[in-house]
Amino acid sequence: MSCPTCGKHRDAPYRVYDKRGKVTQGCVDDYHTGHLITHSESSYWHNRPEAKKIRASLKAMLKGGKK
């Protein structure tokens, strides 16, 4: 099974890194939650406040709630 958003494995979501190793874009689908190496650049990206807000918004929309 793979992520419905990025098509990648649970512990290896789509990521684009800059020259210094910082994530500049990537998947924040809830599918990856709990499957990333803790204290990694990938997990920091996934757990940013903006990413959590995106997941909450999508969850609310899927339940028929407000954005």
N, C-alpha and C. Protein backbone atom coordinates (compact mmCIF):
# COMPACT_ATOMS: atom_id res chain seq x y z
N MET A 1 0.85 -1.17 0.00
CA MET A 1 0.00 0.00 0.00
C MET A 1 0.89 1.24 0.00
N SER A 2 0.41 2.29 -0.62
CA SER A 2 1.18 3.53 -0.68
C SER A 2 0.29 4.73 -0.36
N CYS A 3 0.91 5.87 -0.12
CA CYS A 3 0.20 7.09 0.26
C CYS A 3 -0.77 7.52 -0.85
N PRO A 4 -2.00 7.86 -0.50
CA PRO A 4 -2.96 8.31 -1.51
C PRO A 4 -2.62 9.67 -2.11
N THR A 5 -1.74 10.43 -1.46
CA THR A 5 -1.38 11.75 -1.97
C THR A 5 -0.10 11.71 -2.80
N CYS A 6 0.97 11.15 -2.24
CA CYS A 6 2.26 11.19 -2.95
C CYS A 6 2.66 9.85 -3.58
N GLY A 7 1.99 8.77 -3.21
CA GLY A 7 2.28 7.47 -3.79
C GLY A 7 3.50 6.78 -3.21
N LYS A 8 4.07 7.34 -2.15
CA LYS A 8 5.28 6.77 -1.55
C LYS A 8 4.93 5.90 -0.35
N HIS A 9 5.93 5.16 0.14
CA HIS A 9 5.78 4.28 1.30
C HIS A 9 5.55 5.09 2.57
N ARG A 10 4.97 4.48 3.60
CA ARG A 10 4.66 5.16 4.88
C ARG A 10 5.86 5.89 5.48
N ASP A 11 7.03 5.27 5.43
CA ASP A 11 8.20 5.86 6.09
C ASP A 11 9.12 6.62 5.14
N ALA A 12 8.66 6.84 3.91
CA ALA A 12 9.49 7.55 2.92
C ALA A 12 8.64 8.46 2.05
N PRO A 13 8.01 9.48 2.63
CA PRO A 13 7.14 10.36 1.84
C PRO A 13 7.92 11.19 0.82
N TYR A 14 7.19 11.73 -0.14
CA TYR A 14 7.79 12.62 -1.13
C TYR A 14 8.40 13.82 -0.42
N ARG A 15 9.66 14.13 -0.73
CA ARG A 15 10.35 15.28 -0.17
C ARG A 15 11.29 15.87 -1.21
N VAL A 16 11.44 17.19 -1.19
CA VAL A 16 12.45 17.89 -1.97
C VAL A 16 13.33 18.61 -0.96
N TYR A 17 14.64 18.40 -1.06
CA TYR A 17 15.60 18.99 -0.12
C TYR A 17 16.45 20.05 -0.82
N ASP A 18 16.83 21.09 -0.07
CA ASP A 18 17.75 22.08 -0.61
C ASP A 18 19.19 21.60 -0.42
N LYS A 19 20.14 22.41 -0.81
CA LYS A 19 21.56 22.02 -0.75
C LYS A 19 22.04 21.79 0.68
N ARG A 20 21.35 22.38 1.67
CA ARG A 20 21.76 22.20 3.07
C ARG A 20 21.01 21.06 3.76
N GLY A 21 20.17 20.35 3.01
CA GLY A 21 19.46 19.21 3.58
C GLY A 21 18.13 19.54 4.23
N LYS A 22 17.65 20.76 4.02
CA LYS A 22 16.36 21.17 4.57
C LYS A 22 15.25 20.84 3.57
N VAL A 23 14.12 20.37 4.06
CA VAL A 23 12.98 20.07 3.20
C VAL A 23 12.38 21.39 2.74
N THR A 24 12.15 21.51 1.43
CA THR A 24 11.53 22.72 0.87
C THR A 24 10.11 22.47 0.40
N GLN A 25 9.78 21.23 0.13
CA GLN A 25 8.41 20.84 -0.19
C GLN A 25 8.26 19.35 0.02
N GLY A 26 7.02 18.92 0.25
CA GLY A 26 6.80 17.50 0.44
C GLY A 26 5.41 17.18 0.96
N CYS A 27 5.10 15.92 0.94
CA CYS A 27 3.79 15.41 1.35
C CYS A 27 3.63 15.51 2.86
N VAL A 28 2.44 15.93 3.30
CA VAL A 28 2.13 15.98 4.73
C VAL A 28 0.88 15.15 5.05
N ASP A 29 0.55 14.22 4.17
CA ASP A 29 -0.62 13.37 4.37
C ASP A 29 -0.52 12.61 5.69
N ASP A 30 -1.65 12.45 6.37
CA ASP A 30 -1.71 11.73 7.65
C ASP A 30 -1.24 10.28 7.53
N TYR A 31 -1.23 9.76 6.33
CA TYR A 31 -0.76 8.39 6.07
C TYR A 31 0.65 8.17 6.64
N HIS A 32 1.47 9.20 6.64
CA HIS A 32 2.86 9.09 7.09
C HIS A 32 3.03 9.31 8.60
N THR A 33 1.98 9.81 9.26
CA THR A 33 2.07 10.12 10.69
C THR A 33 2.41 8.87 11.50
N GLY A 34 3.42 9.00 12.35
CA GLY A 34 3.84 7.89 13.20
C GLY A 34 4.80 6.91 12.55
N HIS A 35 5.17 7.17 11.29
CA HIS A 35 6.04 6.24 10.57
C HIS A 35 7.36 6.85 10.16
N LEU A 36 7.61 8.09 10.54
CA LEU A 36 8.85 8.77 10.17
C LEU A 36 9.87 8.66 11.30
N ILE A 37 11.13 8.69 10.94
CA ILE A 37 12.19 8.67 11.95
C ILE A 37 12.09 9.96 12.76
N THR A 38 11.99 9.82 14.09
CA THR A 38 11.87 11.00 14.93
C THR A 38 13.16 11.82 14.90
N HIS A 39 13.01 13.10 15.09
CA HIS A 39 14.12 14.05 15.08
C HIS A 39 14.85 14.09 13.75
N SER A 40 14.16 13.77 12.67
CA SER A 40 14.74 13.88 11.33
C SER A 40 14.17 15.12 10.66
N GLU A 41 14.84 15.59 9.64
CA GLU A 41 14.34 16.74 8.89
C GLU A 41 12.95 16.44 8.32
N SER A 42 12.75 15.20 7.88
CA SER A 42 11.45 14.80 7.33
C SER A 42 10.35 14.86 8.39
N SER A 43 10.64 14.41 9.60
CA SER A 43 9.61 14.46 10.65
C SER A 43 9.35 15.89 11.11
N TYR A 44 10.40 16.74 11.11
CA TYR A 44 10.17 18.15 11.44
C TYR A 44 9.23 18.79 10.43
N TRP A 45 9.45 18.51 9.15
CA TRP A 45 8.58 19.05 8.10
C TRP A 45 7.15 18.56 8.31
N HIS A 46 7.00 17.30 8.57
CA HIS A 46 5.68 16.68 8.72
C HIS A 46 4.93 17.21 9.95
N ASN A 47 5.66 17.59 10.98
CA ASN A 47 5.03 18.03 12.24
C ASN A 47 5.03 19.54 12.45
N ARG A 48 5.34 20.30 11.41
CA ARG A 48 5.26 21.77 11.50
C ARG A 48 3.81 22.16 11.79
N PRO A 49 3.59 23.30 12.44
CA PRO A 49 2.22 23.77 12.67
C PRO A 49 1.41 23.90 11.37
N GLU A 50 2.05 24.35 10.29
CA GLU A 50 1.35 24.49 9.01
C GLU A 50 0.88 23.14 8.48
N ALA A 51 1.71 22.12 8.63
CA ALA A 51 1.36 20.78 8.15
C ALA A 51 0.21 20.20 8.97
N LYS A 52 0.25 20.42 10.28
CA LYS A 52 -0.84 19.95 11.14
C LYS A 52 -2.15 20.64 10.77
N LYS A 53 -2.07 21.92 10.44
CA LYS A 53 -3.25 22.68 10.04
C LYS A 53 -3.82 22.14 8.72
N ILE A 54 -2.94 21.79 7.79
CA ILE A 54 -3.38 21.20 6.52
C ILE A 54 -4.11 19.89 6.77
N ARG A 55 -3.54 19.02 7.59
CA ARG A 55 -4.18 17.73 7.89
C ARG A 55 -5.53 17.91 8.57
N ALA A 56 -5.61 18.84 9.52
CA ALA A 56 -6.87 19.09 10.22
C ALA A 56 -7.93 19.61 9.26
N SER A 57 -7.53 20.50 8.37
CA SER A 57 -8.45 21.07 7.39
C SER A 57 -8.98 19.99 6.45
N LEU A 58 -8.09 19.15 5.97
CA LEU A 58 -8.52 18.07 5.08
C LEU A 58 -9.44 17.08 5.79
N LYS A 59 -9.12 16.78 7.02
CA LYS A 59 -9.96 15.86 7.80
C LYS A 59 -11.36 16.44 7.99
N ALA A 60 -11.43 17.74 8.29
CA ALA A 60 -12.72 18.40 8.46
C ALA A 60 -13.52 18.40 7.16
N MET A 61 -12.85 18.66 6.05
CA MET A 61 -13.55 18.65 4.75
C MET A 61 -14.08 17.27 4.42
N LEU A 62 -13.30 16.23 4.72
CA LEU A 62 -13.75 14.87 4.44
C LEU A 62 -14.96 14.48 5.30
N LYS A 63 -15.05 15.05 6.49
CA LYS A 63 -16.19 14.79 7.37
C LYS A 63 -17.37 15.69 7.04
N GLY A 64 -17.20 16.60 6.08
CA GLY A 64 -18.26 17.50 5.70
C GLY A 64 -18.32 18.76 6.53
N GLY A 65 -17.27 19.01 7.29
CA GLY A 65 -17.21 20.20 8.13
C GLY A 65 -16.67 21.40 7.39
N LYS A 66 -16.36 22.41 8.15
CA LYS A 66 -15.80 23.65 7.59
C LYS A 66 -14.30 23.52 7.46
N LYS A 67 -13.71 24.42 6.65
CA LYS A 67 -12.27 24.45 6.44
C LYS A 67 -11.55 24.85 7.67
